[in-house]
N, C-alpha and C. Protein backbone atom coordinates (compact mmCIF):
# COMPACT_ATOMS: atom_id res chain seq x y z
N MET A 1 -14.47 6.93 0.89
CA MET A 1 -13.06 6.64 0.65
C MET A 1 -12.91 5.14 0.36
N SER A 2 -12.01 4.83 -0.53
CA SER A 2 -11.88 3.44 -0.92
C SER A 2 -10.42 3.05 -1.13
N LEU A 3 -10.19 1.78 -0.96
CA LEU A 3 -8.90 1.15 -1.18
C LEU A 3 -9.22 -0.29 -1.56
N THR A 4 -8.68 -0.77 -2.66
CA THR A 4 -9.02 -2.12 -3.12
C THR A 4 -7.76 -2.94 -3.38
N LEU A 5 -7.97 -4.24 -3.35
CA LEU A 5 -6.93 -5.20 -3.70
C LEU A 5 -7.29 -5.85 -5.02
N THR A 6 -6.28 -6.18 -5.81
CA THR A 6 -6.52 -7.02 -6.98
C THR A 6 -6.63 -8.46 -6.47
N GLU A 7 -7.13 -9.32 -7.32
CA GLU A 7 -7.21 -10.74 -6.94
C GLU A 7 -5.83 -11.31 -6.65
N SER A 8 -4.84 -10.90 -7.44
CA SER A 8 -3.48 -11.36 -7.26
C SER A 8 -2.95 -10.97 -5.88
N ALA A 9 -3.18 -9.72 -5.47
CA ALA A 9 -2.72 -9.26 -4.15
C ALA A 9 -3.46 -10.00 -3.04
N ALA A 10 -4.77 -10.17 -3.19
CA ALA A 10 -5.55 -10.86 -2.17
C ALA A 10 -5.08 -12.30 -2.01
N ASN A 11 -4.82 -12.99 -3.12
CA ASN A 11 -4.34 -14.38 -3.06
C ASN A 11 -3.00 -14.46 -2.34
N ARG A 12 -2.09 -13.53 -2.64
CA ARG A 12 -0.78 -13.55 -1.99
C ARG A 12 -0.91 -13.27 -0.50
N ILE A 13 -1.74 -12.31 -0.13
CA ILE A 13 -1.95 -11.98 1.28
C ILE A 13 -2.56 -13.16 2.01
N GLN A 14 -3.54 -13.82 1.39
CA GLN A 14 -4.16 -15.00 2.01
C GLN A 14 -3.14 -16.10 2.22
N ASN A 15 -2.23 -16.29 1.26
CA ASN A 15 -1.16 -17.29 1.43
C ASN A 15 -0.26 -16.93 2.60
N LEU A 16 0.10 -15.66 2.71
CA LEU A 16 0.96 -15.23 3.82
C LEU A 16 0.24 -15.38 5.16
N LEU A 17 -1.04 -15.06 5.19
CA LEU A 17 -1.81 -15.20 6.43
C LEU A 17 -1.93 -16.66 6.85
N GLU A 18 -2.08 -17.57 5.89
CA GLU A 18 -2.15 -19.01 6.20
C GLU A 18 -0.85 -19.47 6.85
N GLN A 19 0.28 -18.93 6.38
CA GLN A 19 1.57 -19.30 6.96
C GLN A 19 1.69 -18.82 8.41
N GLU A 20 1.04 -17.71 8.73
CA GLU A 20 1.08 -17.17 10.09
C GLU A 20 0.20 -17.98 11.05
N GLN A 21 -0.75 -18.70 10.53
CA GLN A 21 -1.67 -19.54 11.31
C GLN A 21 -2.34 -18.76 12.45
N ASN A 22 -2.85 -17.56 12.10
CA ASN A 22 -3.55 -16.73 13.08
C ASN A 22 -4.73 -16.07 12.37
N SER A 23 -5.92 -16.58 12.61
CA SER A 23 -7.12 -16.10 11.91
C SER A 23 -7.53 -14.69 12.31
N LYS A 24 -6.92 -14.13 13.36
CA LYS A 24 -7.26 -12.77 13.81
C LYS A 24 -6.50 -11.69 13.04
N LEU A 25 -5.51 -12.06 12.27
CA LEU A 25 -4.67 -11.09 11.59
C LEU A 25 -5.37 -10.44 10.40
N GLY A 26 -5.12 -9.15 10.26
CA GLY A 26 -5.52 -8.40 9.08
C GLY A 26 -4.28 -7.71 8.54
N LEU A 27 -4.38 -7.19 7.34
CA LEU A 27 -3.25 -6.49 6.76
C LEU A 27 -3.41 -4.99 7.00
N ARG A 28 -2.45 -4.42 7.71
CA ARG A 28 -2.44 -2.98 7.94
C ARG A 28 -1.64 -2.34 6.81
N ILE A 29 -2.26 -1.39 6.14
CA ILE A 29 -1.60 -0.61 5.10
C ILE A 29 -1.51 0.81 5.62
N PHE A 30 -0.32 1.40 5.54
CA PHE A 30 -0.16 2.73 6.08
C PHE A 30 0.81 3.56 5.24
N VAL A 31 0.76 4.84 5.45
CA VAL A 31 1.67 5.78 4.81
C VAL A 31 2.36 6.54 5.94
N ASN A 32 3.67 6.68 5.83
CA ASN A 32 4.37 7.51 6.81
C ASN A 32 5.43 8.35 6.10
N GLY A 33 5.91 9.35 6.79
CA GLY A 33 6.93 10.21 6.21
C GLY A 33 8.22 9.45 6.00
N GLY A 34 8.89 9.75 4.92
CA GLY A 34 10.16 9.11 4.62
C GLY A 34 10.27 8.75 3.16
N GLY A 35 11.27 8.03 2.83
CA GLY A 35 11.50 7.69 1.44
C GLY A 35 12.03 8.91 0.70
N CYS A 36 12.49 8.73 -0.49
CA CYS A 36 13.10 9.84 -1.22
C CYS A 36 12.07 10.81 -1.78
N SER A 37 10.79 10.44 -1.78
CA SER A 37 9.78 11.33 -2.33
C SER A 37 8.91 11.98 -1.27
N GLY A 38 9.15 11.72 -0.02
CA GLY A 38 8.41 12.39 1.04
C GLY A 38 7.52 11.48 1.86
N PHE A 39 6.84 10.54 1.22
CA PHE A 39 6.00 9.57 1.91
C PHE A 39 6.35 8.19 1.40
N GLN A 40 6.19 7.19 2.28
CA GLN A 40 6.43 5.82 1.84
C GLN A 40 5.31 4.91 2.34
N TYR A 41 5.07 3.86 1.59
CA TYR A 41 4.04 2.88 1.92
C TYR A 41 4.59 1.86 2.90
N GLY A 42 3.72 1.35 3.75
CA GLY A 42 4.11 0.30 4.67
C GLY A 42 3.02 -0.74 4.80
N PHE A 43 3.41 -1.96 5.08
CA PHE A 43 2.50 -3.09 5.25
C PHE A 43 2.92 -3.85 6.50
N SER A 44 1.95 -4.29 7.27
CA SER A 44 2.25 -5.17 8.40
C SER A 44 0.99 -5.96 8.74
N PHE A 45 1.18 -7.11 9.36
CA PHE A 45 0.03 -7.86 9.85
C PHE A 45 -0.28 -7.38 11.25
N ASP A 46 -1.56 -7.28 11.57
CA ASP A 46 -1.96 -6.74 12.86
C ASP A 46 -3.23 -7.44 13.33
N GLU A 47 -3.26 -7.80 14.61
CA GLU A 47 -4.47 -8.38 15.22
C GLU A 47 -5.41 -7.31 15.72
N GLU A 48 -4.85 -6.16 16.06
CA GLU A 48 -5.61 -5.11 16.73
C GLU A 48 -6.14 -4.07 15.75
N LYS A 49 -7.44 -3.79 15.87
CA LYS A 49 -8.04 -2.67 15.14
C LYS A 49 -8.16 -1.54 16.14
N ASN A 50 -7.43 -0.46 15.89
CA ASN A 50 -7.51 0.71 16.75
C ASN A 50 -8.86 1.39 16.56
N ASN A 51 -9.29 2.16 17.54
CA ASN A 51 -10.60 2.81 17.48
C ASN A 51 -10.80 3.64 16.23
N GLU A 52 -9.75 4.34 15.79
CA GLU A 52 -9.89 5.23 14.63
C GLU A 52 -9.68 4.52 13.29
N ASP A 53 -9.20 3.29 13.30
CA ASP A 53 -8.95 2.55 12.06
C ASP A 53 -10.22 2.31 11.26
N ILE A 54 -10.06 2.30 9.97
CA ILE A 54 -11.12 1.92 9.06
C ILE A 54 -10.82 0.49 8.61
N LYS A 55 -11.81 -0.38 8.69
CA LYS A 55 -11.64 -1.77 8.25
C LYS A 55 -12.30 -1.89 6.88
N ILE A 56 -11.54 -2.41 5.94
CA ILE A 56 -12.01 -2.59 4.57
C ILE A 56 -11.86 -4.05 4.22
N ASP A 57 -12.91 -4.66 3.70
CA ASP A 57 -12.85 -6.05 3.24
C ASP A 57 -12.76 -6.05 1.72
N SER A 58 -11.76 -6.72 1.19
CA SER A 58 -11.57 -6.80 -0.25
C SER A 58 -11.10 -8.20 -0.60
N HIS A 59 -11.87 -8.90 -1.41
CA HIS A 59 -11.54 -10.27 -1.84
C HIS A 59 -11.28 -11.19 -0.65
N GLY A 60 -12.02 -11.01 0.43
CA GLY A 60 -11.88 -11.88 1.59
C GLY A 60 -10.73 -11.54 2.52
N VAL A 61 -10.05 -10.44 2.27
CA VAL A 61 -8.94 -10.01 3.12
C VAL A 61 -9.39 -8.78 3.90
N HIS A 62 -9.07 -8.74 5.19
CA HIS A 62 -9.39 -7.60 6.03
C HIS A 62 -8.22 -6.62 6.01
N LEU A 63 -8.49 -5.42 5.55
CA LEU A 63 -7.48 -4.36 5.55
C LEU A 63 -7.76 -3.41 6.70
N LEU A 64 -6.73 -2.94 7.36
CA LEU A 64 -6.83 -1.95 8.41
C LEU A 64 -6.04 -0.72 7.97
N VAL A 65 -6.70 0.44 8.01
CA VAL A 65 -6.06 1.67 7.56
C VAL A 65 -6.43 2.80 8.50
N ASP A 66 -5.44 3.56 8.93
CA ASP A 66 -5.73 4.73 9.77
C ASP A 66 -6.28 5.85 8.87
N PRO A 67 -7.06 6.76 9.42
CA PRO A 67 -7.71 7.80 8.61
C PRO A 67 -6.74 8.67 7.80
N MET A 68 -5.59 9.05 8.36
CA MET A 68 -4.64 9.89 7.63
C MET A 68 -4.07 9.15 6.43
N SER A 69 -3.73 7.87 6.63
CA SER A 69 -3.21 7.08 5.51
C SER A 69 -4.28 6.90 4.44
N LEU A 70 -5.52 6.65 4.86
CA LEU A 70 -6.59 6.44 3.88
C LEU A 70 -6.81 7.69 3.04
N LYS A 71 -6.64 8.85 3.63
CA LYS A 71 -6.78 10.09 2.86
C LYS A 71 -5.76 10.12 1.72
N LEU A 72 -4.52 9.69 2.00
CA LEU A 72 -3.48 9.67 0.97
C LEU A 72 -3.61 8.49 0.01
N LEU A 73 -4.34 7.46 0.43
CA LEU A 73 -4.50 6.25 -0.39
C LEU A 73 -5.86 6.15 -1.07
N ASP A 74 -6.75 7.11 -0.85
CA ASP A 74 -8.11 7.04 -1.37
C ASP A 74 -8.12 6.78 -2.87
N GLY A 75 -8.84 5.75 -3.28
CA GLY A 75 -8.95 5.38 -4.68
C GLY A 75 -7.82 4.49 -5.17
N SER A 76 -6.90 4.12 -4.31
CA SER A 76 -5.75 3.31 -4.71
C SER A 76 -6.10 1.84 -4.87
N GLU A 77 -5.27 1.17 -5.64
CA GLU A 77 -5.39 -0.28 -5.84
C GLU A 77 -4.05 -0.91 -5.48
N VAL A 78 -4.12 -1.96 -4.66
CA VAL A 78 -2.92 -2.70 -4.27
C VAL A 78 -2.87 -3.96 -5.13
N ASP A 79 -1.77 -4.13 -5.84
CA ASP A 79 -1.58 -5.28 -6.71
C ASP A 79 -0.35 -6.04 -6.26
N TYR A 80 -0.22 -7.28 -6.72
CA TYR A 80 0.97 -8.09 -6.44
C TYR A 80 1.51 -8.53 -7.78
N LYS A 81 2.77 -8.21 -8.04
CA LYS A 81 3.41 -8.53 -9.32
C LYS A 81 4.61 -9.43 -9.11
N GLU A 82 4.73 -10.42 -9.98
CA GLU A 82 5.91 -11.28 -10.02
C GLU A 82 6.57 -11.09 -11.37
N THR A 83 7.83 -10.67 -11.35
CA THR A 83 8.58 -10.48 -12.59
C THR A 83 9.91 -11.21 -12.46
N THR A 84 10.70 -11.16 -13.49
CA THR A 84 12.03 -11.78 -13.45
C THR A 84 12.94 -11.06 -12.46
N GLN A 85 12.59 -9.82 -12.11
CA GLN A 85 13.39 -9.05 -11.16
C GLN A 85 12.96 -9.27 -9.72
N GLY A 86 11.87 -10.00 -9.51
CA GLY A 86 11.40 -10.26 -8.15
C GLY A 86 9.90 -10.09 -8.04
N ALA A 87 9.41 -10.20 -6.84
CA ALA A 87 7.98 -10.08 -6.58
C ALA A 87 7.75 -9.03 -5.51
N SER A 88 6.67 -8.26 -5.66
CA SER A 88 6.37 -7.24 -4.66
C SER A 88 4.94 -6.75 -4.81
N PHE A 89 4.48 -6.10 -3.76
CA PHE A 89 3.20 -5.43 -3.81
C PHE A 89 3.42 -4.07 -4.47
N VAL A 90 2.47 -3.66 -5.30
CA VAL A 90 2.56 -2.41 -6.03
C VAL A 90 1.27 -1.63 -5.76
N ILE A 91 1.41 -0.37 -5.38
CA ILE A 91 0.24 0.46 -5.14
C ILE A 91 0.07 1.44 -6.29
N LYS A 92 -1.10 1.37 -6.92
CA LYS A 92 -1.46 2.33 -7.97
C LYS A 92 -2.28 3.42 -7.28
N ASN A 93 -1.63 4.55 -7.03
CA ASN A 93 -2.21 5.60 -6.21
C ASN A 93 -2.53 6.83 -7.07
N PRO A 94 -3.82 7.13 -7.27
CA PRO A 94 -4.17 8.29 -8.08
C PRO A 94 -3.83 9.62 -7.40
N ASN A 95 -3.49 9.58 -6.12
CA ASN A 95 -3.15 10.79 -5.37
C ASN A 95 -1.66 11.13 -5.41
N ALA A 96 -0.88 10.26 -6.03
CA ALA A 96 0.57 10.48 -6.11
C ALA A 96 0.88 11.40 -7.28
N GLY A 97 1.50 12.53 -6.97
CA GLY A 97 1.92 13.44 -8.03
C GLY A 97 3.16 12.91 -8.74
N SER A 98 4.04 12.29 -7.96
CA SER A 98 5.22 11.65 -8.52
C SER A 98 5.63 10.51 -7.61
N THR A 99 6.33 9.55 -8.17
CA THR A 99 6.81 8.42 -7.39
C THR A 99 8.30 8.23 -7.68
N CYS A 100 8.95 7.57 -6.77
CA CYS A 100 10.35 7.23 -6.97
C CYS A 100 10.42 6.02 -7.90
N GLY A 101 11.54 5.79 -8.48
CA GLY A 101 11.72 4.66 -9.38
C GLY A 101 11.46 3.32 -8.71
N CYS A 102 11.66 3.25 -7.39
CA CYS A 102 11.45 1.99 -6.68
C CYS A 102 9.95 1.73 -6.47
N GLY A 103 9.10 2.78 -6.58
CA GLY A 103 7.66 2.61 -6.40
C GLY A 103 7.22 2.52 -4.95
N LYS A 104 8.13 2.67 -4.02
CA LYS A 104 7.78 2.52 -2.62
C LYS A 104 7.63 3.86 -1.91
N SER A 105 7.85 4.95 -2.64
CA SER A 105 7.71 6.27 -2.04
C SER A 105 7.05 7.19 -3.06
N PHE A 106 6.35 8.22 -2.55
CA PHE A 106 5.61 9.11 -3.44
C PHE A 106 5.47 10.49 -2.84
N THR A 107 5.13 11.42 -3.70
CA THR A 107 4.81 12.78 -3.31
C THR A 107 3.35 12.99 -3.67
N PRO A 108 2.53 13.48 -2.74
CA PRO A 108 1.13 13.73 -3.07
C PRO A 108 0.99 14.75 -4.20
N ALA A 109 -0.03 14.60 -5.02
CA ALA A 109 -0.23 15.46 -6.18
C ALA A 109 -0.34 16.92 -5.79
N GLU A 110 -0.98 17.21 -4.66
CA GLU A 110 -1.20 18.60 -4.30
C GLU A 110 0.06 19.33 -3.87
N SER A 111 1.15 18.60 -3.57
CA SER A 111 2.35 19.28 -3.08
C SER A 111 3.16 19.92 -4.20
N GLY A 112 3.09 19.37 -5.41
CA GLY A 112 3.84 19.91 -6.53
C GLY A 112 5.31 19.55 -6.53
N ALA A 113 5.79 18.90 -5.48
CA ALA A 113 7.20 18.52 -5.40
C ALA A 113 7.41 17.18 -6.07
N GLY A 114 8.62 16.86 -6.40
CA GLY A 114 8.92 15.58 -7.03
C GLY A 114 10.11 14.91 -6.39
N CYS A 115 10.36 13.72 -6.82
CA CYS A 115 11.49 12.95 -6.32
C CYS A 115 12.79 13.55 -6.84
N GLY A 116 13.82 13.48 -6.05
CA GLY A 116 15.11 14.00 -6.46
C GLY A 116 15.87 13.07 -7.40
N HIS A 117 15.39 11.86 -7.57
CA HIS A 117 16.07 10.92 -8.45
C HIS A 117 15.79 11.23 -9.90
N THR A 118 16.74 10.88 -10.75
CA THR A 118 16.51 10.99 -12.18
C THR A 118 16.44 9.58 -12.74
N SER A 119 15.75 9.45 -13.83
CA SER A 119 15.57 8.13 -14.42
C SER A 119 16.28 8.07 -15.77
N ASN A 120 16.91 6.95 -16.05
CA ASN A 120 17.53 6.73 -17.34
C ASN A 120 16.54 6.11 -18.32
N TYR A 121 15.35 5.82 -17.87
CA TYR A 121 14.37 5.18 -18.72
C TYR A 121 13.47 6.20 -19.36
N GLN A 122 13.24 6.08 -20.63
CA GLN A 122 12.37 7.00 -21.38
C GLN A 122 11.04 6.37 -21.66
């Protein structure tokens, strides 16, 4: 199972970690129920690695992921984008059957369900 960061995401995370001034922190990436598409992504800094957590090192950043989240995130890439509309982390998830327009929630491909939102963009 794999989860990777782009250089842009790793640089942004390293900058945020430097501001925290705590060398024990890693970035926890998780998936939980919610959002308009069924599941939503979450990020938090965490000092503690739980027994079941998988630790992934990518571009010098320590990622912590629980096994259930990693199953839904397997093969994903976390990127950081800055646009005129703002800046945010973006997850490119090959396991997502559909995503909401905000990009923060998804439906797994195997479920066959989709987001209830409609898009005006073609």
